[in-house]
Amino acid sequence: MGDYPNCPGCNSEYTYADRGLFVCPECGHEWTTLTDEDSGSDTQIRDANGNPLADGDTISVIKDLKVKGTSLVVKVGTKVRNIRLVDGDHDIDCKVEGIGAMKLKSEFVRKV
């Protein structure tokens, strides 16, 4: 068994981990052990190799990406300059040459 903390709600020792949360089966309480300092570092957007991204960076696409609603494809190795980071599922706003404005996921790019 893992070394999980006791439940802060009922002090039960029968807790387990589930998708980043700790769960108590006796009272149903769910919690994380992250402090405010830890949660702030998770907001950093990183590329496919784990490098941190920032506004204005140049990135390269690492996988062919179909453009939804068209027959266009963003090819592997396409360089995109002057990106802008945003919140959401697709966390990069950019303009791809020959295609136009797009939103990309950081998991499909690498920093140049």
N, C-alpha and C. Protein backbone atom coordinates (compact mmCIF):
# COMPACT_ATOMS: atom_id res chain seq x y z
N MET A 1 0.81 -1.18 0.00
CA MET A 1 0.00 0.00 0.00
C MET A 1 0.85 1.24 0.00
N GLY A 2 0.32 2.33 -0.55
CA GLY A 2 1.06 3.58 -0.61
C GLY A 2 1.11 4.29 0.72
N ASP A 3 1.92 5.28 0.78
CA ASP A 3 2.06 6.10 1.97
C ASP A 3 1.19 7.34 1.80
N TYR A 4 -0.12 7.19 1.96
CA TYR A 4 -1.05 8.29 1.73
C TYR A 4 -1.40 8.95 3.05
N PRO A 5 -1.68 10.27 3.02
CA PRO A 5 -2.03 10.97 4.26
C PRO A 5 -3.43 10.59 4.74
N ASN A 6 -3.65 10.77 6.03
CA ASN A 6 -4.98 10.53 6.60
C ASN A 6 -5.95 11.59 6.08
N CYS A 7 -7.22 11.23 6.05
CA CYS A 7 -8.26 12.15 5.57
C CYS A 7 -8.35 13.35 6.51
N PRO A 8 -8.33 14.58 5.97
CA PRO A 8 -8.49 15.76 6.83
C PRO A 8 -9.93 15.92 7.33
N GLY A 9 -10.88 15.24 6.71
CA GLY A 9 -12.28 15.35 7.12
C GLY A 9 -12.64 14.46 8.29
N CYS A 10 -12.24 13.17 8.21
CA CYS A 10 -12.64 12.23 9.27
C CYS A 10 -11.44 11.51 9.89
N ASN A 11 -10.23 11.83 9.45
CA ASN A 11 -8.98 11.25 9.94
C ASN A 11 -8.86 9.74 9.66
N SER A 12 -9.53 9.27 8.61
CA SER A 12 -9.45 7.86 8.23
C SER A 12 -8.09 7.57 7.61
N GLU A 13 -7.58 6.37 7.86
CA GLU A 13 -6.29 5.98 7.29
C GLU A 13 -6.45 5.22 5.97
N TYR A 14 -7.67 5.00 5.52
CA TYR A 14 -7.93 4.21 4.32
C TYR A 14 -8.10 5.09 3.07
N THR A 15 -7.20 6.01 2.85
CA THR A 15 -7.28 6.90 1.70
C THR A 15 -6.54 6.30 0.51
N TYR A 16 -6.87 6.80 -0.68
CA TYR A 16 -6.18 6.36 -1.90
C TYR A 16 -6.07 7.53 -2.87
N ALA A 17 -5.17 7.38 -3.85
CA ALA A 17 -4.95 8.42 -4.85
C ALA A 17 -5.77 8.11 -6.09
N ASP A 18 -6.37 9.16 -6.69
CA ASP A 18 -7.15 9.01 -7.91
C ASP A 18 -7.00 10.27 -8.75
N ARG A 19 -6.26 10.17 -9.87
CA ARG A 19 -6.07 11.27 -10.82
C ARG A 19 -5.60 12.56 -10.16
N GLY A 20 -4.59 12.49 -9.36
CA GLY A 20 -4.04 13.69 -8.74
C GLY A 20 -4.74 14.14 -7.47
N LEU A 21 -5.77 13.44 -7.06
CA LEU A 21 -6.47 13.77 -5.82
C LEU A 21 -6.35 12.62 -4.84
N PHE A 22 -6.47 12.92 -3.57
CA PHE A 22 -6.59 11.89 -2.56
C PHE A 22 -8.07 11.77 -2.21
N VAL A 23 -8.54 10.54 -2.03
CA VAL A 23 -9.96 10.28 -1.78
C VAL A 23 -10.10 9.44 -0.52
N CYS A 24 -11.11 9.78 0.29
CA CYS A 24 -11.43 9.00 1.48
C CYS A 24 -12.69 8.18 1.17
N PRO A 25 -12.59 6.84 1.21
CA PRO A 25 -13.77 6.03 0.91
C PRO A 25 -14.82 6.04 2.02
N GLU A 26 -14.44 6.45 3.21
CA GLU A 26 -15.39 6.45 4.32
C GLU A 26 -16.31 7.66 4.33
N CYS A 27 -15.75 8.85 4.08
CA CYS A 27 -16.59 10.06 4.10
C CYS A 27 -16.75 10.70 2.73
N GLY A 28 -15.99 10.24 1.72
CA GLY A 28 -16.10 10.78 0.37
C GLY A 28 -15.36 12.08 0.14
N HIS A 29 -14.55 12.51 1.09
CA HIS A 29 -13.81 13.76 0.96
C HIS A 29 -12.69 13.59 -0.06
N GLU A 30 -12.49 14.61 -0.94
CA GLU A 30 -11.40 14.63 -1.91
C GLU A 30 -10.56 15.87 -1.69
N TRP A 31 -9.22 15.74 -1.82
CA TRP A 31 -8.33 16.86 -1.61
C TRP A 31 -7.01 16.63 -2.32
N THR A 32 -6.24 17.71 -2.46
CA THR A 32 -4.89 17.63 -2.99
C THR A 32 -3.94 18.05 -1.88
N THR A 33 -2.69 17.72 -2.03
CA THR A 33 -1.70 18.13 -1.04
C THR A 33 -0.85 19.27 -1.56
N LEU A 34 -1.23 19.87 -2.72
CA LEU A 34 -0.46 20.97 -3.28
C LEU A 34 -0.62 22.21 -2.42
N THR A 35 0.46 22.92 -2.24
CA THR A 35 0.40 24.21 -1.57
C THR A 35 0.19 25.28 -2.64
N ASP A 36 -0.03 26.50 -2.24
CA ASP A 36 -0.21 27.59 -3.20
C ASP A 36 1.03 27.79 -4.05
N GLU A 37 2.21 27.58 -3.49
CA GLU A 37 3.45 27.73 -4.24
C GLU A 37 3.55 26.66 -5.32
N ASP A 38 3.18 25.42 -5.02
CA ASP A 38 3.25 24.34 -5.99
C ASP A 38 2.27 24.54 -7.12
N SER A 39 1.06 24.98 -6.83
CA SER A 39 0.05 25.13 -7.86
C SER A 39 0.41 26.24 -8.83
N GLY A 40 1.15 27.25 -8.41
CA GLY A 40 1.57 28.33 -9.30
C GLY A 40 2.56 27.86 -10.33
N SER A 41 3.40 26.89 -10.02
CA SER A 41 4.40 26.43 -10.97
C SER A 41 3.78 25.54 -12.04
N ASP A 42 2.59 24.98 -11.79
CA ASP A 42 1.93 24.12 -12.77
C ASP A 42 1.31 24.92 -13.90
N THR A 43 1.17 26.23 -13.75
CA THR A 43 0.55 27.04 -14.79
C THR A 43 1.50 27.34 -15.92
N GLN A 44 2.77 27.00 -15.79
CA GLN A 44 3.76 27.21 -16.84
C GLN A 44 3.42 26.32 -18.03
N ILE A 45 3.31 26.92 -19.21
CA ILE A 45 3.02 26.15 -20.42
C ILE A 45 4.34 25.66 -20.99
N ARG A 46 4.41 24.36 -21.27
CA ARG A 46 5.64 23.74 -21.76
C ARG A 46 5.40 23.07 -23.11
N ASP A 47 6.48 22.98 -23.91
CA ASP A 47 6.38 22.32 -25.21
C ASP A 47 6.47 20.81 -25.05
N ALA A 48 6.54 20.08 -26.16
CA ALA A 48 6.56 18.62 -26.13
C ALA A 48 7.81 18.07 -25.45
N ASN A 49 8.89 18.85 -25.43
CA ASN A 49 10.14 18.41 -24.80
C ASN A 49 10.27 18.88 -23.36
N GLY A 50 9.30 19.62 -22.86
CA GLY A 50 9.33 20.09 -21.48
C GLY A 50 9.95 21.45 -21.30
N ASN A 51 10.28 22.14 -22.39
CA ASN A 51 10.86 23.47 -22.29
C ASN A 51 9.75 24.50 -22.06
N PRO A 52 9.95 25.46 -21.15
CA PRO A 52 8.92 26.46 -20.91
C PRO A 52 8.76 27.40 -22.10
N LEU A 53 7.52 27.76 -22.42
CA LEU A 53 7.23 28.68 -23.52
C LEU A 53 6.86 30.04 -22.95
N ALA A 54 7.10 31.08 -23.74
CA ALA A 54 6.75 32.44 -23.34
C ALA A 54 6.20 33.18 -24.55
N ASP A 55 5.49 34.28 -24.30
CA ASP A 55 4.98 35.10 -25.40
C ASP A 55 6.14 35.58 -26.26
N GLY A 56 5.96 35.54 -27.58
CA GLY A 56 6.97 36.01 -28.51
C GLY A 56 7.96 34.95 -28.95
N ASP A 57 7.90 33.75 -28.41
CA ASP A 57 8.81 32.67 -28.79
C ASP A 57 8.55 32.21 -30.22
N THR A 58 9.56 31.52 -30.78
CA THR A 58 9.43 30.85 -32.06
C THR A 58 9.34 29.36 -31.79
N ILE A 59 8.36 28.70 -32.43
CA ILE A 59 8.15 27.27 -32.22
C ILE A 59 8.17 26.56 -33.56
N SER A 60 8.30 25.24 -33.50
CA SER A 60 8.27 24.39 -34.68
C SER A 60 7.26 23.28 -34.43
N VAL A 61 6.46 22.95 -35.44
CA VAL A 61 5.45 21.91 -35.32
C VAL A 61 6.12 20.55 -35.45
N ILE A 62 5.79 19.59 -34.56
CA ILE A 62 6.46 18.29 -34.57
C ILE A 62 5.59 17.17 -35.14
N LYS A 63 4.39 17.52 -35.63
CA LYS A 63 3.47 16.51 -36.16
C LYS A 63 2.59 17.17 -37.20
N ASP A 64 2.26 16.46 -38.28
CA ASP A 64 1.31 16.99 -39.25
C ASP A 64 -0.01 17.25 -38.56
N LEU A 65 -0.54 18.46 -38.71
CA LEU A 65 -1.79 18.84 -38.06
C LEU A 65 -2.81 19.24 -39.12
N LYS A 66 -3.94 18.53 -39.15
CA LYS A 66 -5.01 18.88 -40.08
C LYS A 66 -5.72 20.12 -39.55
N VAL A 67 -6.04 21.04 -40.46
CA VAL A 67 -6.78 22.23 -40.08
C VAL A 67 -8.26 21.92 -40.18
N LYS A 68 -8.96 22.03 -39.07
CA LYS A 68 -10.37 21.65 -39.00
C LYS A 68 -11.21 22.49 -39.96
N GLY A 69 -12.04 21.82 -40.74
CA GLY A 69 -12.94 22.50 -41.65
C GLY A 69 -12.37 22.77 -43.02
N THR A 70 -11.12 22.41 -43.24
CA THR A 70 -10.48 22.61 -44.55
C THR A 70 -9.69 21.37 -44.91
N SER A 71 -9.11 21.39 -46.10
CA SER A 71 -8.24 20.29 -46.52
C SER A 71 -6.77 20.64 -46.31
N LEU A 72 -6.50 21.75 -45.63
CA LEU A 72 -5.13 22.19 -45.38
C LEU A 72 -4.49 21.38 -44.26
N VAL A 73 -3.14 21.28 -44.32
CA VAL A 73 -2.37 20.58 -43.30
C VAL A 73 -1.18 21.43 -42.94
N VAL A 74 -0.92 21.58 -41.64
CA VAL A 74 0.30 22.23 -41.16
C VAL A 74 1.34 21.12 -41.08
N LYS A 75 2.39 21.21 -41.90
CA LYS A 75 3.38 20.14 -42.02
C LYS A 75 4.38 20.16 -40.87
N VAL A 76 5.01 19.01 -40.66
CA VAL A 76 6.07 18.87 -39.66
C VAL A 76 7.19 19.84 -40.01
N GLY A 77 7.72 20.52 -39.01
CA GLY A 77 8.84 21.43 -39.22
C GLY A 77 8.43 22.85 -39.53
N THR A 78 7.14 23.12 -39.67
CA THR A 78 6.68 24.48 -39.92
C THR A 78 7.04 25.35 -38.74
N LYS A 79 7.74 26.47 -39.01
CA LYS A 79 8.13 27.38 -37.95
C LYS A 79 7.09 28.48 -37.81
N VAL A 80 6.76 28.78 -36.57
CA VAL A 80 5.78 29.82 -36.25
C VAL A 80 6.46 30.80 -35.31
N ARG A 81 6.46 32.08 -35.71
CA ARG A 81 7.11 33.11 -34.91
C ARG A 81 6.09 33.94 -34.13
N ASN A 82 6.56 34.51 -33.06
CA ASN A 82 5.78 35.46 -32.27
C ASN A 82 4.46 34.86 -31.77
N ILE A 83 4.57 33.80 -30.99
CA ILE A 83 3.37 33.15 -30.44
C ILE A 83 2.82 33.95 -29.26
N ARG A 84 1.58 33.69 -28.92
CA ARG A 84 0.94 34.29 -27.76
C ARG A 84 0.31 33.18 -26.94
N LEU A 85 0.60 33.11 -25.66
CA LEU A 85 0.07 32.08 -24.78
C LEU A 85 -1.27 32.52 -24.21
N VAL A 86 -2.24 31.58 -24.21
CA VAL A 86 -3.58 31.86 -23.70
C VAL A 86 -4.01 30.69 -22.83
N ASP A 87 -5.06 30.91 -22.04
CA ASP A 87 -5.64 29.83 -21.23
C ASP A 87 -6.60 29.03 -22.08
N GLY A 88 -6.74 27.76 -21.76
CA GLY A 88 -7.69 26.91 -22.46
C GLY A 88 -7.05 25.63 -22.95
N ASP A 89 -7.82 24.86 -23.68
CA ASP A 89 -7.36 23.58 -24.21
C ASP A 89 -6.25 23.79 -25.23
N HIS A 90 -6.46 24.69 -26.18
CA HIS A 90 -5.44 25.06 -27.15
C HIS A 90 -4.77 26.30 -26.58
N ASP A 91 -3.54 26.15 -26.10
CA ASP A 91 -2.93 27.21 -25.31
C ASP A 91 -1.97 28.13 -26.06
N ILE A 92 -1.92 28.04 -27.40
CA ILE A 92 -1.05 28.91 -28.18
C ILE A 92 -1.88 29.56 -29.28
N ASP A 93 -1.88 30.89 -29.34
CA ASP A 93 -2.46 31.64 -30.45
C ASP A 93 -1.31 32.06 -31.35
N CYS A 94 -1.47 31.88 -32.67
CA CYS A 94 -0.39 32.24 -33.58
C CYS A 94 -0.94 32.43 -34.98
N LYS A 95 -0.08 32.92 -35.88
CA LYS A 95 -0.41 33.01 -37.30
C LYS A 95 0.57 32.12 -38.04
N VAL A 96 0.02 31.13 -38.75
CA VAL A 96 0.85 30.21 -39.52
C VAL A 96 0.88 30.73 -40.95
N GLU A 97 2.07 30.89 -41.49
CA GLU A 97 2.22 31.42 -42.84
C GLU A 97 1.54 30.51 -43.85
N GLY A 98 0.71 31.10 -44.72
CA GLY A 98 0.00 30.36 -45.73
C GLY A 98 -1.34 29.81 -45.26
N ILE A 99 -1.60 29.86 -43.96
CA ILE A 99 -2.86 29.33 -43.42
C ILE A 99 -3.63 30.42 -42.69
N GLY A 100 -2.98 31.18 -41.84
CA GLY A 100 -3.63 32.26 -41.10
C GLY A 100 -3.63 32.02 -39.61
N ALA A 101 -4.53 32.67 -38.93
CA ALA A 101 -4.61 32.59 -37.47
C ALA A 101 -5.05 31.20 -37.04
N MET A 102 -4.37 30.66 -36.03
CA MET A 102 -4.67 29.33 -35.51
C MET A 102 -4.47 29.28 -34.02
N LYS A 103 -5.04 28.27 -33.42
CA LYS A 103 -4.77 27.92 -32.03
C LYS A 103 -4.13 26.55 -32.05
N LEU A 104 -3.03 26.38 -31.32
CA LEU A 104 -2.31 25.12 -31.27
C LEU A 104 -2.21 24.62 -29.84
N LYS A 105 -2.06 23.32 -29.70
CA LYS A 105 -1.78 22.73 -28.40
C LYS A 105 -0.26 22.66 -28.23
N SER A 106 0.20 22.95 -27.04
CA SER A 106 1.64 22.97 -26.79
C SER A 106 2.28 21.59 -26.91
N GLU A 107 1.51 20.53 -26.82
CA GLU A 107 2.07 19.19 -26.90
C GLU A 107 2.50 18.81 -28.32
N PHE A 108 2.12 19.62 -29.32
CA PHE A 108 2.47 19.33 -30.70
C PHE A 108 3.51 20.29 -31.26
N VAL A 109 4.19 21.03 -30.40
CA VAL A 109 5.22 21.97 -30.84
C VAL A 109 6.47 21.83 -29.98
N ARG A 110 7.57 22.35 -30.52
CA ARG A 110 8.80 22.43 -29.73
C ARG A 110 9.39 23.81 -29.91
N LYS A 111 10.08 24.27 -28.90
CA LYS A 111 10.70 25.60 -28.93
C LYS A 111 11.93 25.56 -29.80
N VAL A 112 12.12 26.59 -30.62
CA VAL A 112 13.28 26.66 -31.51
C VAL A 112 14.35 27.50 -30.87
